[in-house]
Amino acid sequence: MLVRAGGNDVNTPTFEVQDYGGNVDLSVRGNGKVGIGTAAPTQLLTVSSTSADAIMNIDCSHASSD
């Protein structure tokens, strides 16, 4: 895992996590945009995947105490 700190503009990551192959897993840009699976988020939160798997799963199940 590689963690870097950088500048405060769109082209410079202030925080970045990469896998061993150098692929960006998580990127926080200097302009506040966050990318998951991309080094170049275009919105406040950009989630990108080349996998056929679902990009997002929200699990709202919980055990009831009733």
N, C-alpha and C. Protein backbone atom coordinates (compact mmCIF):
# COMPACT_ATOMS: atom_id res chain seq x y z
N MET A 1 0.85 -1.17 0.00
CA MET A 1 0.00 0.00 0.00
C MET A 1 0.90 1.24 0.00
N LEU A 2 0.52 2.21 -0.78
CA LEU A 2 1.26 3.46 -0.86
C LEU A 2 0.34 4.60 -0.43
N VAL A 3 0.78 5.42 0.48
CA VAL A 3 0.01 6.58 0.94
C VAL A 3 0.85 7.81 0.68
N ARG A 4 0.25 8.79 0.01
CA ARG A 4 0.98 10.02 -0.30
C ARG A 4 0.20 11.23 0.19
N ALA A 5 0.90 12.29 0.43
CA ALA A 5 0.26 13.58 0.72
C ALA A 5 0.74 14.55 -0.35
N GLY A 6 -0.13 15.46 -0.75
CA GLY A 6 0.25 16.34 -1.84
C GLY A 6 -0.37 17.72 -1.74
N GLY A 7 -0.62 18.31 -2.90
CA GLY A 7 -1.06 19.69 -3.00
C GLY A 7 -2.55 19.88 -2.82
N ASN A 8 -3.00 21.07 -3.20
CA ASN A 8 -4.40 21.43 -2.98
C ASN A 8 -5.12 21.78 -4.28
N ASP A 9 -4.81 21.08 -5.36
CA ASP A 9 -5.50 21.34 -6.62
C ASP A 9 -6.04 20.03 -7.20
N VAL A 10 -6.77 20.13 -8.29
CA VAL A 10 -7.41 18.98 -8.89
C VAL A 10 -6.41 17.95 -9.42
N ASN A 11 -5.23 18.35 -9.79
CA ASN A 11 -4.26 17.45 -10.39
C ASN A 11 -3.36 16.74 -9.39
N THR A 12 -3.42 17.15 -8.13
CA THR A 12 -2.54 16.58 -7.13
C THR A 12 -3.34 15.88 -6.05
N PRO A 13 -3.05 14.59 -5.80
CA PRO A 13 -3.76 13.92 -4.72
C PRO A 13 -3.26 14.39 -3.37
N THR A 14 -4.16 14.61 -2.43
CA THR A 14 -3.74 14.91 -1.07
C THR A 14 -3.63 13.62 -0.28
N PHE A 15 -4.31 12.57 -0.76
CA PHE A 15 -4.23 11.25 -0.14
C PHE A 15 -4.54 10.22 -1.20
N GLU A 16 -3.71 9.20 -1.30
CA GLU A 16 -3.92 8.18 -2.34
C GLU A 16 -3.49 6.82 -1.83
N VAL A 17 -4.30 5.81 -2.11
CA VAL A 17 -3.98 4.43 -1.77
C VAL A 17 -3.88 3.64 -3.07
N GLN A 18 -2.75 2.93 -3.25
CA GLN A 18 -2.53 2.14 -4.46
C GLN A 18 -2.29 0.69 -4.07
N ASP A 19 -2.61 -0.23 -5.01
CA ASP A 19 -2.26 -1.63 -4.80
C ASP A 19 -0.80 -1.85 -5.21
N TYR A 20 -0.33 -3.09 -5.08
CA TYR A 20 1.07 -3.37 -5.40
C TYR A 20 1.41 -3.09 -6.86
N GLY A 21 0.42 -3.16 -7.75
CA GLY A 21 0.66 -2.90 -9.16
C GLY A 21 0.63 -1.42 -9.52
N GLY A 22 0.40 -0.55 -8.54
CA GLY A 22 0.35 0.88 -8.81
C GLY A 22 -1.02 1.39 -9.21
N ASN A 23 -2.03 0.52 -9.18
CA ASN A 23 -3.40 0.94 -9.51
C ASN A 23 -3.99 1.68 -8.32
N VAL A 24 -4.67 2.76 -8.61
CA VAL A 24 -5.25 3.58 -7.54
C VAL A 24 -6.54 2.93 -7.04
N ASP A 25 -6.58 2.66 -5.74
CA ASP A 25 -7.79 2.12 -5.11
C ASP A 25 -8.65 3.24 -4.52
N LEU A 26 -8.00 4.26 -3.99
CA LEU A 26 -8.70 5.38 -3.36
C LEU A 26 -7.89 6.64 -3.56
N SER A 27 -8.55 7.71 -3.97
CA SER A 27 -7.86 8.97 -4.20
C SER A 27 -8.68 10.12 -3.65
N VAL A 28 -8.06 10.96 -2.85
CA VAL A 28 -8.69 12.19 -2.39
C VAL A 28 -7.89 13.33 -3.01
N ARG A 29 -8.55 14.10 -3.86
CA ARG A 29 -7.87 15.18 -4.58
C ARG A 29 -7.83 16.45 -3.74
N GLY A 30 -6.97 17.35 -4.11
CA GLY A 30 -6.83 18.62 -3.41
C GLY A 30 -8.07 19.49 -3.46
N ASN A 31 -8.95 19.23 -4.44
CA ASN A 31 -10.18 20.02 -4.56
C ASN A 31 -11.33 19.38 -3.79
N GLY A 32 -11.05 18.31 -3.01
CA GLY A 32 -12.07 17.69 -2.18
C GLY A 32 -12.81 16.53 -2.83
N LYS A 33 -12.53 16.24 -4.09
CA LYS A 33 -13.20 15.14 -4.76
C LYS A 33 -12.55 13.82 -4.37
N VAL A 34 -13.39 12.79 -4.20
CA VAL A 34 -12.93 11.47 -3.76
C VAL A 34 -13.21 10.46 -4.86
N GLY A 35 -12.22 9.64 -5.17
CA GLY A 35 -12.39 8.59 -6.16
C GLY A 35 -12.12 7.23 -5.55
N ILE A 36 -13.03 6.30 -5.77
CA ILE A 36 -12.83 4.90 -5.38
C ILE A 36 -12.69 4.14 -6.69
N GLY A 37 -11.54 3.53 -6.90
CA GLY A 37 -11.27 2.82 -8.14
C GLY A 37 -10.84 3.73 -9.28
N THR A 38 -10.59 4.99 -8.99
CA THR A 38 -10.14 5.94 -10.01
C THR A 38 -9.21 6.98 -9.39
N ALA A 39 -8.22 7.41 -10.15
CA ALA A 39 -7.31 8.46 -9.70
C ALA A 39 -7.81 9.84 -10.12
N ALA A 40 -8.89 9.87 -10.92
CA ALA A 40 -9.38 11.15 -11.45
C ALA A 40 -10.88 11.29 -11.23
N PRO A 41 -11.31 11.49 -9.98
CA PRO A 41 -12.74 11.66 -9.73
C PRO A 41 -13.26 12.94 -10.40
N THR A 42 -14.43 12.83 -11.01
CA THR A 42 -15.03 13.97 -11.70
C THR A 42 -16.16 14.62 -10.91
N GLN A 43 -16.62 13.95 -9.87
CA GLN A 43 -17.68 14.47 -9.00
C GLN A 43 -17.16 14.45 -7.56
N LEU A 44 -17.95 14.92 -6.62
CA LEU A 44 -17.52 14.87 -5.22
C LEU A 44 -17.16 13.46 -4.80
N LEU A 45 -17.92 12.46 -5.29
CA LEU A 45 -17.60 11.06 -5.07
C LEU A 45 -17.78 10.32 -6.39
N THR A 46 -16.71 9.74 -6.90
CA THR A 46 -16.75 8.94 -8.12
C THR A 46 -16.32 7.53 -7.77
N VAL A 47 -17.19 6.55 -8.10
CA VAL A 47 -16.88 5.14 -7.88
C VAL A 47 -16.78 4.48 -9.24
N SER A 48 -15.64 3.81 -9.50
CA SER A 48 -15.40 3.22 -10.81
C SER A 48 -14.94 1.78 -10.65
N SER A 49 -15.40 0.92 -11.55
CA SER A 49 -14.99 -0.48 -11.53
C SER A 49 -15.02 -1.04 -12.94
N THR A 50 -14.05 -1.88 -13.27
CA THR A 50 -14.06 -2.57 -14.55
C THR A 50 -14.57 -3.99 -14.38
N SER A 51 -14.93 -4.35 -13.17
CA SER A 51 -15.43 -5.69 -12.85
C SER A 51 -16.91 -5.80 -13.23
N ALA A 52 -17.35 -7.00 -13.51
CA ALA A 52 -18.76 -7.25 -13.79
C ALA A 52 -19.57 -7.28 -12.50
N ASP A 53 -18.89 -7.28 -11.36
CA ASP A 53 -19.58 -7.27 -10.07
C ASP A 53 -20.26 -5.92 -9.85
N ALA A 54 -21.23 -5.92 -8.95
CA ALA A 54 -21.92 -4.68 -8.60
C ALA A 54 -20.92 -3.69 -8.02
N ILE A 55 -21.11 -2.42 -8.32
CA ILE A 55 -20.21 -1.38 -7.82
C ILE A 55 -20.49 -1.08 -6.35
N MET A 56 -21.77 -1.16 -5.94
CA MET A 56 -22.09 -0.78 -4.59
C MET A 56 -23.12 -1.72 -4.00
N ASN A 57 -22.95 -2.03 -2.73
CA ASN A 57 -23.91 -2.84 -2.01
C ASN A 57 -24.17 -2.17 -0.67
N ILE A 58 -25.43 -1.93 -0.36
CA ILE A 58 -25.80 -1.35 0.93
C ILE A 58 -26.58 -2.42 1.69
N ASP A 59 -26.04 -2.84 2.80
CA ASP A 59 -26.66 -3.89 3.60
C ASP A 59 -27.29 -3.24 4.83
N CYS A 60 -28.60 -3.26 4.87
CA CYS A 60 -29.33 -2.64 5.98
C CYS A 60 -29.88 -3.67 6.94
N SER A 61 -29.47 -4.92 6.80
CA SER A 61 -29.98 -5.96 7.70
C SER A 61 -29.32 -5.83 9.06
N HIS A 62 -30.10 -6.13 10.08
CA HIS A 62 -29.58 -6.11 11.45
C HIS A 62 -30.41 -7.06 12.30
N ALA A 63 -29.85 -7.52 13.37
CA ALA A 63 -30.59 -8.41 14.27
C ALA A 63 -31.53 -7.59 15.12
N SER A 64 -32.74 -8.08 15.26
CA SER A 64 -33.74 -7.39 16.07
C SER A 64 -33.60 -7.82 17.52
N SER A 65 -33.75 -6.90 18.43
CA SER A 65 -33.67 -7.23 19.84
C SER A 65 -35.04 -7.41 20.46
N ASP A 66 -36.11 -7.43 19.61
CA ASP A 66 -37.49 -7.59 20.12
C ASP A 66 -37.80 -9.01 20.47
